[in-house]
Amino acid sequence: MGEGRGGSMVGSMVFCLLLLQQLKMGHAAIYNVGDELGWTFNVSSWPIGKNFHAGDILAFNYTPSAHNVVVVDKVGYNWCLINPIEATVHHSGKEQIKLVEGINYFICSLPGHCQMGMKLAITAT
């Protein structure tokens, strides 16, 4: 009889942990990058005062013929470079990109745009 209760207790604990994980995932926030201006130049200060979490969604809204969004690493962010083998260039004008834990880097790869401030670094906990 004792083994049955111990197994039941472990099962209940596992269920509670799974439930907590689902609740955490179900509460992901969606942030519109640049607020009403959208994904444009000089958005690097936009994250100030916001708390981002892994699983939150960044919505990039922009004119597809004018910009794009590329997820890059720190070197790509600092030097406005993309790795053509690893990079996915998003260009629909309505991207929704899920944040991962740590620093997430984004640039516009059209000529001169990143260099003129169209880049964003977001830290997600």
N, C-alpha and C. Protein backbone atom coordinates (compact mmCIF):
# COMPACT_ATOMS: atom_id res chain seq x y z
N MET A 1 0.81 -1.19 0.00
CA MET A 1 0.00 0.00 0.00
C MET A 1 0.86 1.26 0.00
N GLY A 2 1.97 1.27 0.75
CA GLY A 2 2.82 2.45 0.85
C GLY A 2 3.39 2.86 -0.49
N GLU A 3 3.72 1.87 -1.34
CA GLU A 3 4.30 2.19 -2.64
C GLU A 3 3.28 2.92 -3.53
N GLY A 4 2.04 2.56 -3.42
CA GLY A 4 1.00 3.18 -4.24
C GLY A 4 0.85 4.65 -3.92
N ARG A 5 0.90 5.00 -2.65
CA ARG A 5 0.77 6.42 -2.28
C ARG A 5 1.98 7.22 -2.71
N GLY A 6 3.18 6.64 -2.60
CA GLY A 6 4.40 7.35 -3.01
C GLY A 6 4.40 7.62 -4.50
N GLY A 7 4.00 6.63 -5.27
CA GLY A 7 3.92 6.80 -6.72
C GLY A 7 2.87 7.83 -7.09
N SER A 8 1.76 7.82 -6.35
CA SER A 8 0.70 8.79 -6.61
C SER A 8 1.17 10.20 -6.31
N MET A 9 1.97 10.35 -5.25
CA MET A 9 2.47 11.66 -4.88
C MET A 9 3.45 12.19 -5.93
N VAL A 10 4.32 11.32 -6.43
CA VAL A 10 5.26 11.72 -7.47
C VAL A 10 4.49 12.11 -8.73
N GLY A 11 3.48 11.34 -9.08
CA GLY A 11 2.66 11.66 -10.24
C GLY A 11 1.98 13.01 -10.09
N SER A 12 1.49 13.30 -8.89
CA SER A 12 0.85 14.59 -8.64
C SER A 12 1.84 15.74 -8.77
N MET A 13 3.06 15.53 -8.29
CA MET A 13 4.08 16.56 -8.39
C MET A 13 4.45 16.81 -9.85
N VAL A 14 4.59 15.74 -10.62
CA VAL A 14 4.91 15.88 -12.05
C VAL A 14 3.78 16.64 -12.75
N PHE A 15 2.54 16.28 -12.44
CA PHE A 15 1.39 16.96 -13.03
C PHE A 15 1.42 18.45 -12.70
N CYS A 16 1.71 18.80 -11.46
CA CYS A 16 1.76 20.21 -11.05
C CYS A 16 2.86 20.96 -11.79
N LEU A 17 4.03 20.33 -11.95
CA LEU A 17 5.12 20.97 -12.68
C LEU A 17 4.75 21.20 -14.15
N LEU A 18 4.11 20.22 -14.76
CA LEU A 18 3.68 20.38 -16.15
C LEU A 18 2.63 21.48 -16.28
N LEU A 19 1.73 21.54 -15.31
CA LEU A 19 0.69 22.57 -15.31
C LEU A 19 1.32 23.96 -15.19
N LEU A 20 2.29 24.11 -14.29
CA LEU A 20 2.98 25.39 -14.13
C LEU A 20 3.69 25.79 -15.41
N GLN A 21 4.33 24.83 -16.08
CA GLN A 21 5.01 25.12 -17.34
C GLN A 21 4.02 25.59 -18.39
N GLN A 22 2.86 24.95 -18.47
CA GLN A 22 1.83 25.36 -19.43
C GLN A 22 1.33 26.77 -19.13
N LEU A 23 1.13 27.07 -17.85
CA LEU A 23 0.67 28.40 -17.47
C LEU A 23 1.69 29.46 -17.84
N LYS A 24 2.95 29.15 -17.62
CA LYS A 24 4.02 30.08 -17.96
C LYS A 24 4.04 30.34 -19.46
N MET A 25 3.91 29.28 -20.26
CA MET A 25 3.93 29.42 -21.71
C MET A 25 2.68 30.13 -22.21
N GLY A 26 1.56 29.93 -21.54
CA GLY A 26 0.31 30.52 -21.97
C GLY A 26 0.24 32.01 -21.72
N HIS A 27 1.17 32.56 -20.98
CA HIS A 27 1.14 33.97 -20.65
C HIS A 27 2.22 34.77 -21.37
N ALA A 28 2.67 34.26 -22.51
CA ALA A 28 3.68 34.99 -23.27
C ALA A 28 3.09 36.31 -23.76
N ALA A 29 3.86 37.35 -23.61
CA ALA A 29 3.42 38.68 -24.05
C ALA A 29 3.78 38.89 -25.52
N ILE A 30 3.01 39.72 -26.18
CA ILE A 30 3.32 40.12 -27.55
C ILE A 30 3.64 41.61 -27.53
N TYR A 31 4.81 41.95 -28.04
CA TYR A 31 5.26 43.34 -28.07
C TYR A 31 5.37 43.81 -29.52
N ASN A 32 4.77 44.94 -29.82
CA ASN A 32 4.90 45.55 -31.14
C ASN A 32 6.17 46.40 -31.15
N VAL A 33 7.17 45.93 -31.87
CA VAL A 33 8.45 46.62 -31.93
C VAL A 33 8.25 48.05 -32.45
N GLY A 34 8.77 49.01 -31.68
CA GLY A 34 8.66 50.42 -32.07
C GLY A 34 7.30 51.02 -31.79
N ASP A 35 6.43 50.27 -31.10
CA ASP A 35 5.06 50.71 -30.81
C ASP A 35 4.37 51.16 -32.10
N GLU A 36 3.77 52.35 -32.11
CA GLU A 36 2.99 52.78 -33.28
C GLU A 36 3.87 53.10 -34.49
N LEU A 37 5.16 53.35 -34.29
CA LEU A 37 6.05 53.63 -35.42
C LEU A 37 6.44 52.37 -36.17
N GLY A 38 6.41 51.23 -35.48
CA GLY A 38 6.80 49.97 -36.10
C GLY A 38 8.31 49.81 -36.15
N TRP A 39 8.73 48.81 -36.91
CA TRP A 39 10.14 48.49 -37.09
C TRP A 39 10.72 49.50 -38.08
N THR A 40 11.52 50.42 -37.55
CA THR A 40 12.07 51.49 -38.36
C THR A 40 13.41 51.92 -37.78
N PHE A 41 13.94 53.02 -38.24
CA PHE A 41 15.23 53.51 -37.76
C PHE A 41 15.14 53.97 -36.31
N ASN A 42 16.26 53.89 -35.61
CA ASN A 42 16.41 54.39 -34.24
C ASN A 42 15.42 53.77 -33.24
N VAL A 43 15.25 52.46 -33.31
CA VAL A 43 14.39 51.76 -32.35
C VAL A 43 15.20 51.13 -31.21
N SER A 44 16.51 51.37 -31.18
CA SER A 44 17.35 50.71 -30.19
C SER A 44 16.98 51.06 -28.75
N SER A 45 16.35 52.21 -28.51
CA SER A 45 15.95 52.57 -27.15
C SER A 45 14.54 52.07 -26.81
N TRP A 46 13.82 51.53 -27.77
CA TRP A 46 12.45 51.06 -27.55
C TRP A 46 12.32 50.06 -26.40
N PRO A 47 13.27 49.12 -26.18
CA PRO A 47 13.11 48.14 -25.10
C PRO A 47 13.27 48.71 -23.68
N ILE A 48 13.77 49.92 -23.53
CA ILE A 48 14.04 50.47 -22.20
C ILE A 48 12.74 50.50 -21.38
N GLY A 49 12.84 49.94 -20.16
CA GLY A 49 11.70 49.91 -19.25
C GLY A 49 10.78 48.72 -19.43
N LYS A 50 11.08 47.86 -20.39
CA LYS A 50 10.25 46.68 -20.62
C LYS A 50 10.98 45.44 -20.09
N ASN A 51 10.23 44.48 -19.59
CA ASN A 51 10.80 43.22 -19.11
C ASN A 51 10.38 42.11 -20.05
N PHE A 52 11.35 41.54 -20.75
CA PHE A 52 11.07 40.49 -21.71
C PHE A 52 11.43 39.13 -21.12
N HIS A 53 10.67 38.13 -21.54
CA HIS A 53 10.88 36.75 -21.08
C HIS A 53 10.98 35.83 -22.28
N ALA A 54 11.74 34.76 -22.11
CA ALA A 54 11.82 33.75 -23.16
C ALA A 54 10.40 33.28 -23.47
N GLY A 55 10.07 33.20 -24.74
CA GLY A 55 8.73 32.82 -25.16
C GLY A 55 7.86 34.00 -25.55
N ASP A 56 8.22 35.21 -25.09
CA ASP A 56 7.49 36.40 -25.52
C ASP A 56 7.66 36.55 -27.04
N ILE A 57 6.73 37.24 -27.65
CA ILE A 57 6.74 37.42 -29.10
C ILE A 57 7.01 38.88 -29.45
N LEU A 58 7.93 39.10 -30.38
CA LEU A 58 8.14 40.43 -30.93
C LEU A 58 7.43 40.48 -32.28
N ALA A 59 6.54 41.45 -32.43
CA ALA A 59 5.84 41.65 -33.69
C ALA A 59 6.53 42.80 -34.43
N PHE A 60 7.12 42.48 -35.56
CA PHE A 60 7.80 43.47 -36.39
C PHE A 60 6.84 43.87 -37.51
N ASN A 61 6.38 45.11 -37.49
CA ASN A 61 5.48 45.62 -38.52
C ASN A 61 6.22 46.69 -39.32
N TYR A 62 6.24 46.53 -40.65
CA TYR A 62 6.98 47.44 -41.50
C TYR A 62 6.53 47.26 -42.95
N THR A 63 6.94 48.16 -43.81
CA THR A 63 6.67 48.06 -45.24
C THR A 63 7.68 47.10 -45.86
N PRO A 64 7.21 45.98 -46.42
CA PRO A 64 8.15 44.96 -46.92
C PRO A 64 9.11 45.47 -48.01
N SER A 65 8.71 46.41 -48.80
CA SER A 65 9.61 46.92 -49.85
C SER A 65 10.67 47.86 -49.28
N ALA A 66 10.48 48.29 -48.01
CA ALA A 66 11.40 49.26 -47.41
C ALA A 66 12.37 48.64 -46.41
N HIS A 67 12.02 47.52 -45.78
CA HIS A 67 12.82 46.93 -44.71
C HIS A 67 12.71 45.41 -44.71
N ASN A 68 13.49 44.79 -43.83
CA ASN A 68 13.37 43.37 -43.52
C ASN A 68 13.81 43.16 -42.08
N VAL A 69 13.76 41.94 -41.60
CA VAL A 69 14.22 41.61 -40.25
C VAL A 69 15.09 40.37 -40.35
N VAL A 70 16.26 40.43 -39.75
CA VAL A 70 17.16 39.28 -39.72
C VAL A 70 17.59 39.06 -38.28
N VAL A 71 17.45 37.82 -37.80
CA VAL A 71 17.96 37.44 -36.48
C VAL A 71 19.45 37.16 -36.67
N VAL A 72 20.27 37.84 -35.88
CA VAL A 72 21.72 37.69 -36.01
C VAL A 72 22.34 37.41 -34.63
N ASP A 73 23.64 37.13 -34.63
CA ASP A 73 24.35 36.97 -33.37
C ASP A 73 24.98 38.32 -32.99
N LYS A 74 25.76 38.32 -31.92
CA LYS A 74 26.36 39.57 -31.42
C LYS A 74 27.27 40.21 -32.46
N VAL A 75 28.06 39.41 -33.15
CA VAL A 75 28.96 39.95 -34.17
C VAL A 75 28.15 40.56 -35.31
N GLY A 76 27.10 39.88 -35.73
CA GLY A 76 26.23 40.41 -36.78
C GLY A 76 25.58 41.71 -36.36
N TYR A 77 25.20 41.79 -35.09
CA TYR A 77 24.59 43.02 -34.56
C TYR A 77 25.61 44.16 -34.53
N ASN A 78 26.79 43.87 -33.97
CA ASN A 78 27.81 44.92 -33.82
C ASN A 78 28.33 45.43 -35.16
N TRP A 79 28.47 44.52 -36.12
CA TRP A 79 29.08 44.88 -37.41
C TRP A 79 28.06 44.96 -38.55
N CYS A 80 26.78 44.78 -38.23
CA CYS A 80 25.72 44.84 -39.26
C CYS A 80 25.99 43.85 -40.39
N LEU A 81 26.28 42.62 -39.99
CA LEU A 81 26.57 41.56 -40.95
C LEU A 81 25.61 40.39 -40.74
N ILE A 82 25.33 39.68 -41.82
CA ILE A 82 24.55 38.46 -41.68
C ILE A 82 25.37 37.29 -42.21
N ASN A 83 25.15 36.14 -41.64
CA ASN A 83 25.76 34.90 -42.12
C ASN A 83 24.78 34.31 -43.13
N PRO A 84 25.08 34.36 -44.42
CA PRO A 84 24.11 33.93 -45.42
C PRO A 84 23.72 32.45 -45.31
N ILE A 85 24.55 31.65 -44.67
CA ILE A 85 24.24 30.23 -44.51
C ILE A 85 23.25 30.02 -43.37
N GLU A 86 23.41 30.74 -42.27
CA GLU A 86 22.58 30.54 -41.08
C GLU A 86 21.41 31.50 -40.97
N ALA A 87 21.48 32.65 -41.61
CA ALA A 87 20.47 33.70 -41.40
C ALA A 87 19.19 33.42 -42.17
N THR A 88 18.08 33.75 -41.53
CA THR A 88 16.79 33.75 -42.21
C THR A 88 16.37 35.20 -42.34
N VAL A 89 16.20 35.63 -43.56
CA VAL A 89 15.77 37.00 -43.80
C VAL A 89 14.24 37.00 -43.88
N HIS A 90 13.62 37.71 -42.96
CA HIS A 90 12.16 37.83 -42.93
C HIS A 90 11.79 39.09 -43.70
N HIS A 91 10.80 38.99 -44.57
CA HIS A 91 10.46 40.15 -45.39
C HIS A 91 8.97 40.26 -45.70
N SER A 92 8.11 39.72 -44.84
CA SER A 92 6.67 39.78 -45.09
C SER A 92 6.05 41.11 -44.68
N GLY A 93 6.73 41.82 -43.75
CA GLY A 93 6.17 43.06 -43.22
C GLY A 93 5.38 42.87 -41.94
N LYS A 94 5.14 41.61 -41.57
CA LYS A 94 4.40 41.30 -40.34
C LYS A 94 5.00 40.04 -39.72
N GLU A 95 6.23 40.16 -39.22
CA GLU A 95 6.90 39.03 -38.58
C GLU A 95 6.50 38.91 -37.12
N GLN A 96 6.42 37.70 -36.64
CA GLN A 96 6.26 37.44 -35.21
C GLN A 96 7.35 36.47 -34.83
N ILE A 97 8.30 36.95 -34.02
CA ILE A 97 9.47 36.16 -33.68
C ILE A 97 9.50 35.95 -32.17
N LYS A 98 9.64 34.67 -31.79
CA LYS A 98 9.65 34.30 -30.37
C LYS A 98 11.05 34.52 -29.79
N LEU A 99 11.10 35.17 -28.64
CA LEU A 99 12.38 35.42 -27.96
C LEU A 99 12.89 34.15 -27.29
N VAL A 100 14.19 33.96 -27.33
CA VAL A 100 14.83 32.89 -26.59
C VAL A 100 15.53 33.50 -25.39
N GLU A 101 15.85 32.68 -24.41
CA GLU A 101 16.52 33.19 -23.21
C GLU A 101 17.90 33.73 -23.58
N GLY A 102 18.24 34.88 -23.02
CA GLY A 102 19.51 35.53 -23.31
C GLY A 102 19.29 36.76 -24.16
N ILE A 103 20.33 37.15 -24.88
CA ILE A 103 20.23 38.35 -25.72
C ILE A 103 19.82 37.94 -27.13
N ASN A 104 18.79 38.58 -27.64
CA ASN A 104 18.28 38.35 -28.99
C ASN A 104 18.64 39.58 -29.82
N TYR A 105 19.28 39.35 -30.98
CA TYR A 105 19.73 40.45 -31.82
C TYR A 105 18.98 40.45 -33.15
N PHE A 106 18.58 41.64 -33.60
CA PHE A 106 17.85 41.79 -34.85
C PHE A 106 18.41 42.99 -35.62
N ILE A 107 18.48 42.85 -36.94
CA ILE A 107 18.89 43.97 -37.78
C ILE A 107 18.01 44.00 -39.04
N CYS A 108 18.04 45.14 -39.70
CA CYS A 108 17.54 45.25 -41.07
C CYS A 108 18.78 45.14 -41.94
N SER A 109 18.76 44.20 -42.90
CA SER A 109 19.97 43.97 -43.70
C SER A 109 20.00 44.73 -45.02
N LEU A 110 19.01 45.59 -45.26
CA LEU A 110 19.07 46.39 -46.49
C LEU A 110 20.24 47.37 -46.39
N PRO A 111 20.88 47.67 -47.50
CA PRO A 111 22.10 48.49 -47.47
C PRO A 111 21.94 49.78 -46.66
N GLY A 112 22.83 49.91 -45.66
CA GLY A 112 22.89 51.12 -44.84
C GLY A 112 21.90 51.20 -43.70
N HIS A 113 20.86 50.38 -43.69
CA HIS A 113 19.82 50.52 -42.67
C HIS A 113 20.34 50.19 -41.26
N CYS A 114 21.03 49.07 -41.10
CA CYS A 114 21.57 48.72 -39.79
C CYS A 114 22.56 49.79 -39.32
N GLN A 115 23.42 50.23 -40.23
CA GLN A 115 24.42 51.24 -39.88
C GLN A 115 23.76 52.55 -39.45
N MET A 116 22.55 52.80 -39.92
CA MET A 116 21.83 54.03 -39.56
C MET A 116 20.91 53.80 -38.36
N GLY A 117 21.10 52.70 -37.63
CA GLY A 117 20.39 52.49 -36.38
C GLY A 117 19.20 51.56 -36.42
N MET A 118 19.01 50.84 -37.52
CA MET A 118 17.89 49.92 -37.59
C MET A 118 18.34 48.55 -37.11
N LYS A 119 18.53 48.48 -35.78
CA LYS A 119 18.93 47.24 -35.14
C LYS A 119 18.43 47.27 -33.70
N LEU A 120 18.31 46.06 -33.14
CA LEU A 120 17.68 45.95 -31.83
C LEU A 120 18.30 44.78 -31.07
N ALA A 121 18.62 44.98 -29.79
CA ALA A 121 19.09 43.93 -28.91
C ALA A 121 18.11 43.82 -27.75
N ILE A 122 17.57 42.63 -27.53
CA ILE A 122 16.58 42.40 -26.47
C ILE A 122 17.07 41.28 -25.57
N THR A 123 17.11 41.53 -24.26
CA THR A 123 17.48 40.50 -23.32
C THR A 123 16.22 39.88 -22.73
N ALA A 124 16.10 38.57 -22.86
CA ALA A 124 14.95 37.85 -22.32
C ALA A 124 15.41 36.92 -21.20
N THR A 125 14.67 36.94 -20.10
CA THR A 125 15.01 36.10 -18.95
C THR A 125 14.20 34.82 -18.97
